[in-house]
Amino acid sequence: MFESFLISLLAQMMLYFFFTFLKNKFMLSKYEAIQKIHEGEVPRIGGIIFYTGFLILLILNKINLFLILPLLASSLFIFSFSFYEDVKQNLSPFFRLIFLFIGSFILVFSTDLPEINISFLSIIHGHYYFSILIFILSLMLLMNGFNFIDGLNGLSSFCFISILLSIYYVANSYNDYFLTSLIIVIFLSSLIVFFLNFPFGKIFMGDSGSYVYAIISGSLVIYLFKRNPELPSLFAMVILAYPITEMLFSIFRKVLMGYSPLQPDIKHLHHLIFFKLDGNKFSRNNLASLLMLPICMLPFGLSYFSINYNLHNNLLKYLIFFLIYSIIYIILNRAKVNT
């Protein structure tokens, strides 16, 4: 594992220096989105650096690729179009949704899905295509939620690591050594991306990194619940609480304010924290990410509690997270209005 990690790390660093050399050339367009809250031109190449290391470690560590073939196919499709968007930045939100739907469909349609054992969704039992649609929409929700939080240094990585820790802890508790080995490979692939992003701010994950992080997170949850069917389905909402809440809260907020949920803005929770801080953009970016760390790690704490003390009442656990998020948001938003 150590030798393969060094080979992967070398390949990732070579990619980083290559794209850094090209960042002022025509290949990498300047990033001028409304949600930009950093200084200078930071290349959005975290996705390709992570994905390259991920593939190298999978091959060198002889992970059974057949077992995760749907994940590889869907992530490669999603990575391809989203990396193009990172470079050209000319895809409309509508076309992004189409590509996310196709990528999610590839994963869901070619994967042996777990049962959805939720009482208020019992109507879908025996209706295969309704079940597929729910999984596809859930993955799309997850990918958009991840994409919303790629703006602060390290925030999407904090979220991703929290999810990996949660799934690893649950899989290890059920002696699922295939999943724990796969998660170690994924975690090692993300290390150099994390340190380049936080605290140094040398790269961002971009759409490609955010979407790939999300589709991997969603795939791991699907594999975990299929391989361990005694786990209650709503426990997945606890593990994925932060990106799900980020997306749901954003949709509700934008609809109530009277504009499209597809329209980007700078009114997410991490933006509110960022604008409350003093100093230059670089220091505020890092500090805001650290202040968001408890939000990122709370789902892991809830997952730990679930496995050790109470595996049920997962909707209540998720609602507790949603309530904490909402209260913090409302307090910060009112403070912003009053200043």
C-alpha atoms as a PDB file:
ATOM      1  CA  MET A   1       0.000   0.000   0.000  1.00  0.00           C
ATOM      2  CA  PHE A   2       2.803   2.441   0.895  1.00  0.00           C
ATOM      3  CA  GLU A   3       4.664   1.995  -2.418  1.00  0.00           C
ATOM      4  CA  SER A   4       1.470   2.369  -4.450  1.00  0.00           C
ATOM      5  CA  PHE A   5       0.589   5.483  -2.449  1.00  0.00           C
ATOM      6  CA  LEU A   6       3.978   7.027  -3.298  1.00  0.00           C
ATOM      7  CA  ILE A   7       3.480   6.257  -7.009  1.00  0.00           C
ATOM      8  CA  SER A   8       0.008   7.780  -6.890  1.00  0.00           C
ATOM      9  CA  LEU A   9       1.304  10.810  -5.017  1.00  0.00           C
ATOM     10  CA  LEU A  10       4.055  11.353  -7.597  1.00  0.00           C
ATOM     11  CA  ALA A  11       1.547  11.199 -10.458  1.00  0.00           C
ATOM     12  CA  GLN A  12      -0.765  13.640  -8.676  1.00  0.00           C
ATOM     13  CA  MET A  13       2.039  16.125  -8.031  1.00  0.00           C
ATOM     14  CA  MET A  14       3.149  15.936 -11.674  1.00  0.00           C
ATOM     15  CA  LEU A  15      -0.413  16.765 -12.729  1.00  0.00           C
ATOM     16  CA  TYR A  16      -0.531  19.664 -10.302  1.00  0.00           C
ATOM     17  CA  PHE A  17       2.688  21.219 -11.653  1.00  0.00           C
ATOM     18  CA  PHE A  18       1.572  20.598 -15.237  1.00  0.00           C
ATOM     19  CA  PHE A  19      -1.748  22.414 -14.787  1.00  0.00           C
ATOM     20  CA  THR A  20      -0.134  25.134 -12.709  1.00  0.00           C
ATOM     21  CA  PHE A  21       2.181  25.793 -15.645  1.00  0.00           C
ATOM     22  CA  LEU A  22      -0.827  26.002 -17.975  1.00  0.00           C
ATOM     23  CA  LYS A  23      -3.174  27.985 -15.743  1.00  0.00           C
ATOM     24  CA  ASN A  24      -2.450  31.280 -17.496  1.00  0.00           C
ATOM     25  CA  LYS A  25      -2.735  29.707 -20.928  1.00  0.00           C
ATOM     26  CA  PHE A  26      -5.847  29.255 -23.051  1.00  0.00           C
ATOM     27  CA  MET A  27      -6.630  25.851 -21.562  1.00  0.00           C
ATOM     28  CA  LEU A  28      -7.803  27.245 -18.245  1.00  0.00           C
ATOM     29  CA  SER A  29     -10.318  30.070 -18.347  1.00  0.00           C
ATOM     30  CA  LYS A  30     -10.534  32.669 -15.624  1.00  0.00           C
ATOM     31  CA  TYR A  31     -13.127  31.894 -13.001  1.00  0.00           C
ATOM     32  CA  GLU A  32     -15.584  34.781 -12.718  1.00  0.00           C
ATOM     33  CA  ALA A  33     -18.636  33.172 -11.067  1.00  0.00           C
ATOM     34  CA  ILE A  34     -20.757  35.183  -8.642  1.00  0.00           C
ATOM     35  CA  GLN A  35     -19.920  32.761  -5.811  1.00  0.00           C
ATOM     36  CA  LYS A  36     -16.182  33.421  -6.055  1.00  0.00           C
ATOM     37  CA  ILE A  37     -14.894  34.463  -2.599  1.00  0.00           C
ATOM     38  CA  HIS A  38     -11.160  34.050  -3.053  1.00  0.00           C
ATOM     39  CA  GLU A  39      -8.389  36.246  -4.407  1.00  0.00           C
ATOM     40  CA  GLY A  40      -6.467  35.538  -7.596  1.00  0.00           C
ATOM     41  CA  GLU A  41      -6.884  32.719 -10.084  1.00  0.00           C
ATOM     42  CA  VAL A  42      -6.990  29.327  -8.361  1.00  0.00           C
ATOM     43  CA  PRO A  43      -7.119  26.407 -10.839  1.00  0.00           C
ATOM     44  CA  ARG A  44     -10.112  24.107 -10.432  1.00  0.00           C
ATOM     45  CA  ILE A  45      -8.121  20.910 -10.939  1.00  0.00           C
ATOM     46  CA  GLY A  46      -8.776  19.029  -7.717  1.00  0.00           C
ATOM     47  CA  GLY A  47     -11.036  16.624  -9.561  1.00  0.00           C
ATOM     48  CA  ILE A  48      -8.485  15.383 -12.076  1.00  0.00           C
ATOM     49  CA  ILE A  49      -5.743  15.151  -9.436  1.00  0.00           C
ATOM     50  CA  PHE A  50      -7.956  13.119  -7.113  1.00  0.00           C
ATOM     51  CA  TYR A  51      -9.406  10.891  -9.832  1.00  0.00           C
ATOM     52  CA  THR A  52      -5.986  10.075 -11.272  1.00  0.00           C
ATOM     53  CA  GLY A  53      -4.660   9.042  -7.872  1.00  0.00           C
ATOM     54  CA  PHE A  54      -7.823   7.063  -7.186  1.00  0.00           C
ATOM     55  CA  LEU A  55      -7.494   5.002 -10.375  1.00  0.00           C
ATOM     56  CA  ILE A  56      -3.784   4.358  -9.815  1.00  0.00           C
ATOM     57  CA  LEU A  57      -4.324   3.138  -6.256  1.00  0.00           C
ATOM     58  CA  LEU A  58      -7.242   0.936  -7.306  1.00  0.00           C
ATOM     59  CA  ILE A  59      -5.125  -0.805  -9.918  1.00  0.00           C
ATOM     60  CA  LEU A  60      -1.918  -1.114  -7.904  1.00  0.00           C
ATOM     61  CA  ASN A  61      -3.694  -2.449  -4.818  1.00  0.00           C
ATOM     62  CA  LYS A  62      -5.604  -5.009  -6.882  1.00  0.00           C
ATOM     63  CA  ILE A  63      -9.031  -3.955  -5.670  1.00  0.00           C
ATOM     64  CA  ASN A  64     -11.681  -6.105  -7.331  1.00  0.00           C
ATOM     65  CA  LEU A  65     -12.727  -3.622 -10.010  1.00  0.00           C
ATOM     66  CA  PHE A  66     -15.640  -5.807 -11.103  1.00  0.00           C
ATOM     67  CA  LEU A  67     -17.400  -5.154  -7.798  1.00  0.00           C
ATOM     68  CA  ILE A  68     -17.257  -1.379  -8.329  1.00  0.00           C
ATOM     69  CA  LEU A  69     -17.596  -1.297 -12.122  1.00  0.00           C
ATOM     70  CA  PRO A  70     -20.850   0.756 -11.969  1.00  0.00           C
ATOM     71  CA  LEU A  71     -19.074   3.323  -9.778  1.00  0.00           C
ATOM     72  CA  LEU A  72     -16.137   3.542 -12.180  1.00  0.00           C
ATOM     73  CA  ALA A  73     -18.391   3.903 -15.233  1.00  0.00           C
ATOM     74  CA  SER A  74     -20.648   6.562 -13.719  1.00  0.00           C
ATOM     75  CA  SER A  75     -17.815   8.520 -12.094  1.00  0.00           C
ATOM     76  CA  LEU A  76     -15.816   8.530 -15.336  1.00  0.00           C
ATOM     77  CA  PHE A  77     -18.816   9.880 -17.258  1.00  0.00           C
ATOM     78  CA  ILE A  78     -19.520  12.556 -14.650  1.00  0.00           C
ATOM     79  CA  PHE A  79     -15.842  13.456 -14.355  1.00  0.00           C
ATOM     80  CA  SER A  80     -15.466  13.867 -18.137  1.00  0.00           C
ATOM     81  CA  PHE A  81     -18.223  16.423 -18.654  1.00  0.00           C
ATOM     82  CA  SER A  82     -17.590  18.267 -15.377  1.00  0.00           C
ATOM     83  CA  PHE A  83     -13.860  18.635 -16.008  1.00  0.00           C
ATOM     84  CA  TYR A  84     -14.764  20.158 -19.371  1.00  0.00           C
ATOM     85  CA  GLU A  85     -16.933  22.613 -17.438  1.00  0.00           C
ATOM     86  CA  ASP A  86     -14.027  23.390 -15.087  1.00  0.00           C
ATOM     87  CA  VAL A  87     -11.910  24.266 -18.108  1.00  0.00           C
ATOM     88  CA  LYS A  88     -14.446  26.041 -20.346  1.00  0.00           C
ATOM     89  CA  GLN A  89     -17.163  27.148 -17.882  1.00  0.00           C
ATOM     90  CA  ASN A  90     -19.841  27.327 -20.553  1.00  0.00           C
ATOM     91  CA  LEU A  91     -22.369  24.613 -19.643  1.00  0.00           C
ATOM     92  CA  SER A  92     -25.807  25.812 -18.588  1.00  0.00           C
ATOM     93  CA  PRO A  93     -27.365  24.558 -15.324  1.00  0.00           C
ATOM     94  CA  PHE A  94     -29.937  22.644 -17.393  1.00  0.00           C
ATOM     95  CA  PHE A  95     -27.287  20.668 -19.284  1.00  0.00           C
ATOM     96  CA  ARG A  96     -25.459  19.969 -16.031  1.00  0.00           C
ATOM     97  CA  LEU A  97     -28.629  18.413 -14.631  1.00  0.00           C
ATOM     98  CA  ILE A  98     -28.992  16.252 -17.736  1.00  0.00           C
ATOM     99  CA  PHE A  99     -25.429  14.961 -17.408  1.00  0.00           C
ATOM    100  CA  LEU A 100     -25.875  14.358 -13.684  1.00  0.00           C
ATOM    101  CA  PHE A 101     -29.053  12.417 -14.416  1.00  0.00           C
ATOM    102  CA  ILE A 102     -27.292  10.243 -16.996  1.00  0.00           C
ATOM    103  CA  GLY A 103     -24.320   9.610 -14.711  1.00  0.00           C
ATOM    104  CA  SER A 104     -26.621   8.700 -11.821  1.00  0.00           C
ATOM    105  CA  PHE A 105     -28.666   6.457 -14.113  1.00  0.00           C
ATOM    106  CA  ILE A 106     -25.514   4.572 -15.171  1.00  0.00           C
ATOM    107  CA  LEU A 107     -24.677   3.829 -11.539  1.00  0.00           C
ATOM    108  CA  VAL A 108     -28.183   2.992 -10.353  1.00  0.00           C
ATOM    109  CA  PHE A 109     -29.292   0.893 -13.341  1.00  0.00           C
ATOM    110  CA  SER A 110     -26.158  -1.281 -13.236  1.00  0.00           C
ATOM    111  CA  THR A 111     -25.999  -1.724  -9.434  1.00  0.00           C
ATOM    112  CA  ASP A 112     -27.746  -4.211  -7.194  1.00  0.00           C
ATOM    113  CA  LEU A 113     -29.672  -1.734  -5.064  1.00  0.00           C
ATOM    114  CA  PRO A 114     -30.576  -2.109  -1.384  1.00  0.00           C
ATOM    115  CA  GLU A 115     -34.173  -2.264  -0.252  1.00  0.00           C
ATOM    116  CA  ILE A 116     -35.720   1.028   0.831  1.00  0.00           C
ATOM    117  CA  ASN A 117     -37.195   0.079   4.204  1.00  0.00           C
ATOM    118  CA  ILE A 118     -38.976   3.360   4.960  1.00  0.00           C
ATOM    119  CA  SER A 119     -42.599   3.114   6.036  1.00  0.00           C
ATOM    120  CA  PHE A 120     -43.895   6.166   4.161  1.00  0.00           C
ATOM    121  CA  LEU A 121     -42.242   4.860   0.970  1.00  0.00           C
ATOM    122  CA  SER A 122     -43.692   1.353   1.269  1.00  0.00           C
ATOM    123  CA  ILE A 123     -45.810   2.075  -1.818  1.00  0.00           C
ATOM    124  CA  ILE A 124     -42.729   1.669  -4.031  1.00  0.00           C
ATOM    125  CA  HIS A 125     -42.050  -1.910  -2.899  1.00  0.00           C
ATOM    126  CA  GLY A 126     -42.312  -4.074  -5.976  1.00  0.00           C
ATOM    127  CA  HIS A 127     -42.095  -1.045  -8.278  1.00  0.00           C
ATOM    128  CA  TYR A 128     -38.557  -1.289  -9.611  1.00  0.00           C
ATOM    129  CA  TYR A 129     -38.555   1.856 -11.727  1.00  0.00           C
ATOM    130  CA  PHE A 130     -39.889   4.049  -8.917  1.00  0.00           C
ATOM    131  CA  SER A 131     -37.071   2.770  -6.748  1.00  0.00           C
ATOM    132  CA  ILE A 132     -34.526   3.575  -9.470  1.00  0.00           C
ATOM    133  CA  LEU A 133     -35.939   7.092  -9.814  1.00  0.00           C
ATOM    134  CA  ILE A 134     -35.613   7.717  -6.070  1.00  0.00           C
ATOM    135  CA  PHE A 135     -31.970   6.633  -6.107  1.00  0.00           C
ATOM    136  CA  ILE A 136     -31.215   8.769  -9.173  1.00  0.00           C
ATOM    137  CA  LEU A 137     -32.829  11.887  -7.694  1.00  0.00           C
ATOM    138  CA  SER A 138     -31.035  11.286  -4.380  1.00  0.00           C
ATOM    139  CA  LEU A 139     -27.651  11.099  -6.136  1.00  0.00           C
ATOM    140  CA  MET A 140     -28.387  14.266  -8.109  1.00  0.00           C
ATOM    141  CA  LEU A 141     -29.352  16.018  -4.880  1.00  0.00           C
ATOM    142  CA  LEU A 142     -26.126  14.848  -3.277  1.00  0.00           C
ATOM    143  CA  MET A 143     -23.948  16.009  -6.183  1.00  0.00           C
ATOM    144  CA  ASN A 144     -25.486  19.474  -6.239  1.00  0.00           C
ATOM    145  CA  GLY A 145     -25.119  19.722  -2.460  1.00  0.00           C
ATOM    146  CA  PHE A 146     -21.416  18.909  -2.715  1.00  0.00           C
ATOM    147  CA  ASN A 147     -20.985  21.434  -5.510  1.00  0.00           C
ATOM    148  CA  PHE A 148     -22.480  24.208  -3.370  1.00  0.00           C
ATOM    149  CA  ILE A 149     -19.810  23.841  -0.687  1.00  0.00           C
ATOM    150  CA  ASP A 150     -16.737  24.013  -2.954  1.00  0.00           C
ATOM    151  CA  GLY A 151     -15.742  27.605  -2.331  1.00  0.00           C
ATOM    152  CA  LEU A 152     -14.002  27.614   1.009  1.00  0.00           C
ATOM    153  CA  ASN A 153     -10.571  26.031   1.269  1.00  0.00           C
ATOM    154  CA  GLY A 154     -11.016  22.474   2.467  1.00  0.00           C
ATOM    155  CA  LEU A 155     -14.772  22.562   3.069  1.00  0.00           C
ATOM    156  CA  SER A 156     -15.741  19.917   0.505  1.00  0.00           C
ATOM    157  CA  SER A 157     -12.791  17.782   1.657  1.00  0.00           C
ATOM    158  CA  PHE A 158     -13.875  18.092   5.302  1.00  0.00           C
ATOM    159  CA  CYS A 159     -17.341  16.946   4.288  1.00  0.00           C
ATOM    160  CA  PHE A 160     -15.989  14.086   2.172  1.00  0.00           C
ATOM    161  CA  ILE A 161     -13.658  12.877   4.938  1.00  0.00           C
ATOM    162  CA  SER A 162     -16.523  12.959   7.446  1.00  0.00           C
ATOM    163  CA  ILE A 163     -18.605  10.763   5.138  1.00  0.00           C
ATOM    164  CA  LEU A 164     -15.689   8.370   4.572  1.00  0.00           C
ATOM    165  CA  LEU A 165     -15.117   8.122   8.330  1.00  0.00           C
ATOM    166  CA  SER A 166     -18.794   7.390   8.944  1.00  0.00           C
ATOM    167  CA  ILE A 167     -18.993   4.668   6.292  1.00  0.00           C
ATOM    168  CA  TYR A 168     -15.644   3.209   7.362  1.00  0.00           C
ATOM    169  CA  TYR A 169     -16.737   3.026  11.001  1.00  0.00           C
ATOM    170  CA  VAL A 170     -20.053   1.364  10.127  1.00  0.00           C
ATOM    171  CA  ALA A 171     -18.435  -1.060   7.638  1.00  0.00           C
ATOM    172  CA  ASN A 172     -15.736  -1.978  10.136  1.00  0.00           C
ATOM    173  CA  SER A 173     -18.381  -2.579  12.800  1.00  0.00           C
ATOM    174  CA  TYR A 174     -20.028  -5.103  10.437  1.00  0.00           C
ATOM    175  CA  ASN A 175     -16.666  -6.643   9.413  1.00  0.00           C
ATOM    176  CA  ASP A 176     -17.078  -5.467   5.808  1.00  0.00           C
ATOM    177  CA  TYR A 177     -13.403  -5.574   4.883  1.00  0.00           C
ATOM    178  CA  PHE A 178     -13.920  -4.948   1.178  1.00  0.00           C
ATOM    179  CA  LEU A 179     -15.536  -1.584   1.883  1.00  0.00           C
ATOM    180  CA  THR A 180     -12.970  -0.607   4.508  1.00  0.00           C
ATOM    181  CA  SER A 181     -10.134  -1.392   2.052  1.00  0.00           C
ATOM    182  CA  LEU A 182     -11.834   0.613  -0.682  1.00  0.00           C
ATOM    183  CA  ILE A 183     -12.342   3.579   1.657  1.00  0.00           C
ATOM    184  CA  ILE A 184      -8.656   3.556   2.623  1.00  0.00           C
ATOM    185  CA  VAL A 185      -7.754   3.770  -1.085  1.00  0.00           C
ATOM    186  CA  ILE A 186     -10.188   6.659  -1.593  1.00  0.00           C
ATOM    187  CA  PHE A 187      -8.930   8.471   1.491  1.00  0.00           C
ATOM    188  CA  LEU A 188      -5.275   8.202   0.427  1.00  0.00           C
ATOM    189  CA  SER A 189      -6.209   9.486  -3.030  1.00  0.00           C
ATOM    190  CA  SER A 190      -7.720  12.610  -1.490  1.00  0.00           C
ATOM    191  CA  LEU A 191      -4.846  13.555   0.832  1.00  0.00           C
ATOM    192  CA  ILE A 192      -2.705  15.621  -1.536  1.00  0.00           C
ATOM    193  CA  VAL A 193      -5.818  17.361  -2.886  1.00  0.00           C
ATOM    194  CA  PHE A 194      -6.831  18.251   0.655  1.00  0.00           C
ATOM    195  CA  PHE A 195      -3.436  19.730   1.588  1.00  0.00           C
ATOM    196  CA  LEU A 196      -3.167  21.701  -1.658  1.00  0.00           C
ATOM    197  CA  ASN A 197      -6.640  23.085  -1.002  1.00  0.00           C
ATOM    198  CA  PHE A 198      -6.365  23.640   2.764  1.00  0.00           C
ATOM    199  CA  PRO A 199      -4.774  25.732   4.090  1.00  0.00           C
ATOM    200  CA  PHE A 200      -2.710  26.754   1.063  1.00  0.00           C
ATOM    201  CA  GLY A 201      -5.563  27.440  -1.358  1.00  0.00           C
ATOM    202  CA  LYS A 202      -3.518  26.298  -4.353  1.00  0.00           C
ATOM    203  CA  ILE A 203      -6.391  24.432  -6.025  1.00  0.00           C
ATOM    204  CA  PHE A 204     -10.144  24.030  -5.805  1.00  0.00           C
ATOM    205  CA  MET A 205     -12.064  20.813  -6.349  1.00  0.00           C
ATOM    206  CA  GLY A 206     -14.108  22.370  -9.146  1.00  0.00           C
ATOM    207  CA  ASP A 207     -17.259  20.755 -10.518  1.00  0.00           C
ATOM    208  CA  SER A 208     -15.350  17.595 -11.420  1.00  0.00           C
ATOM    209  CA  GLY A 209     -14.004  17.096  -7.909  1.00  0.00           C
ATOM    210  CA  SER A 210     -17.269  17.971  -6.170  1.00  0.00           C
ATOM    211  CA  TYR A 211     -19.371  15.709  -8.368  1.00  0.00           C
ATOM    212  CA  VAL A 212     -16.908  12.805  -8.151  1.00  0.00           C
ATOM    213  CA  TYR A 213     -16.693  13.144  -4.363  1.00  0.00           C
ATOM    214  CA  ALA A 214     -20.494  13.026  -4.269  1.00  0.00           C
ATOM    215  CA  ILE A 215     -20.974  10.068  -6.617  1.00  0.00           C
ATOM    216  CA  ILE A 216     -18.336   8.109  -4.681  1.00  0.00           C
ATOM    217  CA  SER A 217     -20.043   8.994  -1.385  1.00  0.00           C
ATOM    218  CA  GLY A 218     -23.421   7.938  -2.751  1.00  0.00           C
ATOM    219  CA  SER A 219     -22.001   4.715  -4.198  1.00  0.00           C
ATOM    220  CA  LEU A 220     -20.332   3.770  -0.920  1.00  0.00           C
ATOM    221  CA  VAL A 221     -23.625   4.297   0.920  1.00  0.00           C
ATOM    222  CA  ILE A 222     -25.441   2.103  -1.633  1.00  0.00           C
ATOM    223  CA  TYR A 223     -22.813  -0.631  -1.302  1.00  0.00           C
ATOM    224  CA  LEU A 224     -22.865  -0.386   2.504  1.00  0.00           C
ATOM    225  CA  PHE A 225     -26.630  -0.787   2.760  1.00  0.00           C
ATOM    226  CA  LYS A 226     -26.808  -3.545   0.153  1.00  0.00           C
ATOM    227  CA  ARG A 227     -24.060  -5.559   1.809  1.00  0.00           C
ATOM    228  CA  ASN A 228     -25.545  -4.971   5.278  1.00  0.00           C
ATOM    229  CA  PRO A 229     -29.339  -5.051   4.792  1.00  0.00           C
ATOM    230  CA  GLU A 230     -30.037  -4.828   8.533  1.00  0.00           C
ATOM    231  CA  LEU A 231     -29.119  -1.129   8.405  1.00  0.00           C
ATOM    232  CA  PRO A 232     -32.219   1.138   8.339  1.00  0.00           C
ATOM    233  CA  SER A 233     -32.503   3.145   5.116  1.00  0.00           C
ATOM    234  CA  LEU A 234     -32.959   6.515   6.836  1.00  0.00           C
ATOM    235  CA  PHE A 235     -29.543   6.067   8.431  1.00  0.00           C
ATOM    236  CA  ALA A 236     -28.175   7.112   5.014  1.00  0.00           C
ATOM    237  CA  MET A 237     -29.596  10.601   5.601  1.00  0.00           C
ATOM    238  CA  VAL A 238     -27.604  10.821   8.811  1.00  0.00           C
ATOM    239  CA  ILE A 239     -24.338   9.867   7.101  1.00  0.00           C
ATOM    240  CA  LEU A 240     -24.943  12.326   4.241  1.00  0.00           C
ATOM    241  CA  ALA A 241     -26.642  14.983   6.350  1.00  0.00           C
ATOM    242  CA  TYR A 242     -24.520  18.024   5.468  1.00  0.00           C
ATOM    243  CA  PRO A 243     -24.609  17.998   1.633  1.00  0.00           C
ATOM    244  CA  ILE A 244     -28.269  16.918   1.682  1.00  0.00           C
ATOM    245  CA  THR A 245     -29.169  19.764   4.033  1.00  0.00           C
ATOM    246  CA  GLU A 246     -27.129  22.252   2.023  1.00  0.00           C
ATOM    247  CA  MET A 247     -29.127  21.356  -1.082  1.00  0.00           C
ATOM    248  CA  LEU A 248     -32.591  21.135   0.535  1.00  0.00           C
ATOM    249  CA  PHE A 249     -32.141  24.339   2.524  1.00  0.00           C
ATOM    250  CA  SER A 250     -30.900  26.149  -0.585  1.00  0.00           C
ATOM    251  CA  ILE A 251     -33.923  25.021  -2.610  1.00  0.00           C
ATOM    252  CA  PHE A 252     -36.388  26.130   0.088  1.00  0.00           C
ATOM    253  CA  ARG A 253     -34.581  29.426   0.585  1.00  0.00           C
ATOM    254  CA  LYS A 254     -34.466  30.319  -3.105  1.00  0.00           C
ATOM    255  CA  VAL A 255     -38.076  29.335  -3.742  1.00  0.00           C
ATOM    256  CA  LEU A 256     -39.229  31.465  -0.791  1.00  0.00           C
ATOM    257  CA  MET A 257     -37.162  34.373  -2.114  1.00  0.00           C
ATOM    258  CA  GLY A 258     -38.762  34.002  -5.531  1.00  0.00           C
ATOM    259  CA  TYR A 259     -35.907  32.959  -7.787  1.00  0.00           C
ATOM    260  CA  SER A 260     -34.689  29.793  -9.461  1.00  0.00           C
ATOM    261  CA  PRO A 261     -33.055  27.066  -7.321  1.00  0.00           C
ATOM    262  CA  LEU A 262     -30.616  26.621 -10.222  1.00  0.00           C
ATOM    263  CA  GLN A 263     -29.361  30.182  -9.862  1.00  0.00           C
ATOM    264  CA  PRO A 264     -26.033  30.367  -7.935  1.00  0.00           C
ATOM    265  CA  ASP A 265     -25.664  32.876  -5.116  1.00  0.00           C
ATOM    266  CA  ILE A 266     -23.482  33.760  -2.136  1.00  0.00           C
ATOM    267  CA  LYS A 267     -26.026  33.177   0.607  1.00  0.00           C
ATOM    268  CA  HIS A 268     -25.096  29.676   1.746  1.00  0.00           C
ATOM    269  CA  LEU A 269     -24.146  29.151   5.375  1.00  0.00           C
ATOM    270  CA  HIS A 270     -20.408  29.149   4.684  1.00  0.00           C
ATOM    271  CA  HIS A 271     -20.799  32.435   2.788  1.00  0.00           C
ATOM    272  CA  LEU A 272     -22.535  34.040   5.765  1.00  0.00           C
ATOM    273  CA  ILE A 273     -19.708  32.954   8.050  1.00  0.00           C
ATOM    274  CA  PHE A 274     -17.106  34.190   5.552  1.00  0.00           C
ATOM    275  CA  PHE A 275     -18.680  37.661   5.342  1.00  0.00           C
ATOM    276  CA  LYS A 276     -18.876  37.966   9.132  1.00  0.00           C
ATOM    277  CA  LEU A 277     -15.090  37.639   9.461  1.00  0.00           C
ATOM    278  CA  ASP A 278     -12.487  40.377   9.208  1.00  0.00           C
ATOM    279  CA  GLY A 279      -9.187  40.299   7.363  1.00  0.00           C
ATOM    280  CA  ASN A 280      -8.090  39.453   3.844  1.00  0.00           C
ATOM    281  CA  LYS A 281      -9.956  36.914   1.738  1.00  0.00           C
ATOM    282  CA  PHE A 282      -7.315  34.202   2.153  1.00  0.00           C
ATOM    283  CA  SER A 283      -7.356  34.168   5.960  1.00  0.00           C
ATOM    284  CA  ARG A 284     -11.145  34.550   6.100  1.00  0.00           C
ATOM    285  CA  ASN A 285     -11.533  31.656   3.681  1.00  0.00           C
ATOM    286  CA  ASN A 286      -9.477  29.290   5.849  1.00  0.00           C
ATOM    287  CA  LEU A 287     -11.016  30.464   9.120  1.00  0.00           C
ATOM    288  CA  ALA A 288     -14.564  30.162   7.789  1.00  0.00           C
ATOM    289  CA  SER A 289     -13.802  26.593   6.704  1.00  0.00           C
ATOM    290  CA  LEU A 290     -12.532  25.741  10.187  1.00  0.00           C
ATOM    291  CA  LEU A 291     -15.672  27.248  11.724  1.00  0.00           C
ATOM    292  CA  MET A 292     -17.721  24.998   9.423  1.00  0.00           C
ATOM    293  CA  LEU A 293     -15.787  21.922  10.567  1.00  0.00           C
ATOM    294  CA  PRO A 294     -18.243  21.049  13.406  1.00  0.00           C
ATOM    295  CA  ILE A 295     -21.099  21.074  10.873  1.00  0.00           C
ATOM    296  CA  CYS A 296     -19.095  18.724   8.643  1.00  0.00           C
ATOM    297  CA  MET A 297     -18.195  16.358  11.487  1.00  0.00           C
ATOM    298  CA  LEU A 298     -21.553  16.281  13.278  1.00  0.00           C
ATOM    299  CA  PRO A 299     -22.917  13.540  10.944  1.00  0.00           C
ATOM    300  CA  PHE A 300     -19.951  11.348  11.898  1.00  0.00           C
ATOM    301  CA  GLY A 301     -20.761  11.934  15.568  1.00  0.00           C
ATOM    302  CA  LEU A 302     -24.392  10.982  14.921  1.00  0.00           C
ATOM    303  CA  SER A 303     -23.260   7.881  12.988  1.00  0.00           C
ATOM    304  CA  TYR A 304     -20.998   6.856  15.859  1.00  0.00           C
ATOM    305  CA  PHE A 305     -23.880   7.316  18.304  1.00  0.00           C
ATOM    306  CA  SER A 306     -26.188   5.283  16.054  1.00  0.00           C
ATOM    307  CA  ILE A 307     -23.903   2.266  15.783  1.00  0.00           C
ATOM    308  CA  ASN A 308     -23.027   2.185  19.474  1.00  0.00           C
ATOM    309  CA  TYR A 309     -26.251   3.240  21.162  1.00  0.00           C
ATOM    310  CA  ASN A 310     -29.337   3.602  18.987  1.00  0.00           C
ATOM    311  CA  LEU A 311     -29.570   2.549  15.351  1.00  0.00           C
ATOM    312  CA  HIS A 312     -33.165   3.755  15.047  1.00  0.00           C
ATOM    313  CA  ASN A 313     -34.918   7.152  15.096  1.00  0.00           C
ATOM    314  CA  ASN A 314     -32.745   8.284  12.185  1.00  0.00           C
ATOM    315  CA  LEU A 315     -35.270  10.772  10.851  1.00  0.00           C
ATOM    316  CA  LEU A 316     -35.153  12.485  14.242  1.00  0.00           C
ATOM    317  CA  LYS A 317     -31.340  12.540  14.142  1.00  0.00           C
ATOM    318  CA  TYR A 318     -31.398  14.101  10.702  1.00  0.00           C
ATOM    319  CA  LEU A 319     -33.993  16.664  11.779  1.00  0.00           C
ATOM    320  CA  ILE A 320     -31.759  17.584  14.720  1.00  0.00           C
ATOM    321  CA  PHE A 321     -28.930  18.265  12.268  1.00  0.00           C
ATOM    322  CA  PHE A 322     -31.246  20.229   9.973  1.00  0.00           C
ATOM    323  CA  LEU A 323     -32.512  22.259  12.938  1.00  0.00           C
ATOM    324  CA  ILE A 324     -28.991  23.089  14.139  1.00  0.00           C
ATOM    325  CA  TYR A 325     -28.021  24.153  10.605  1.00  0.00           C
ATOM    326  CA  SER A 326     -31.186  26.263  10.251  1.00  0.00           C
ATOM    327  CA  ILE A 327     -30.792  28.019  13.608  1.00  0.00           C
ATOM    328  CA  ILE A 328     -27.176  28.947  12.857  1.00  0.00           C
ATOM    329  CA  TYR A 329     -28.191  30.187   9.405  1.00  0.00           C
ATOM    330  CA  ILE A 330     -31.095  32.297  10.697  1.00  0.00           C
ATOM    331  CA  ILE A 331     -28.971  33.888  13.433  1.00  0.00           C
ATOM    332  CA  LEU A 332     -26.151  34.774  11.018  1.00  0.00           C
ATOM    333  CA  ASN A 333     -28.532  35.993   8.340  1.00  0.00           C
ATOM    334  CA  ARG A 334     -30.336  38.299  10.765  1.00  0.00           C
ATOM    335  CA  ALA A 335     -27.022  39.610  12.028  1.00  0.00           C
ATOM    336  CA  LYS A 336     -26.023  40.337   8.444  1.00  0.00           C
ATOM    337  CA  VAL A 337     -29.271  42.199   7.775  1.00  0.00           C
ATOM    338  CA  ASN A 338     -28.906  44.302  10.939  1.00  0.00           C
ATOM    339  CA  THR A 339     -25.331  45.398  10.153  1.00  0.00           C
END
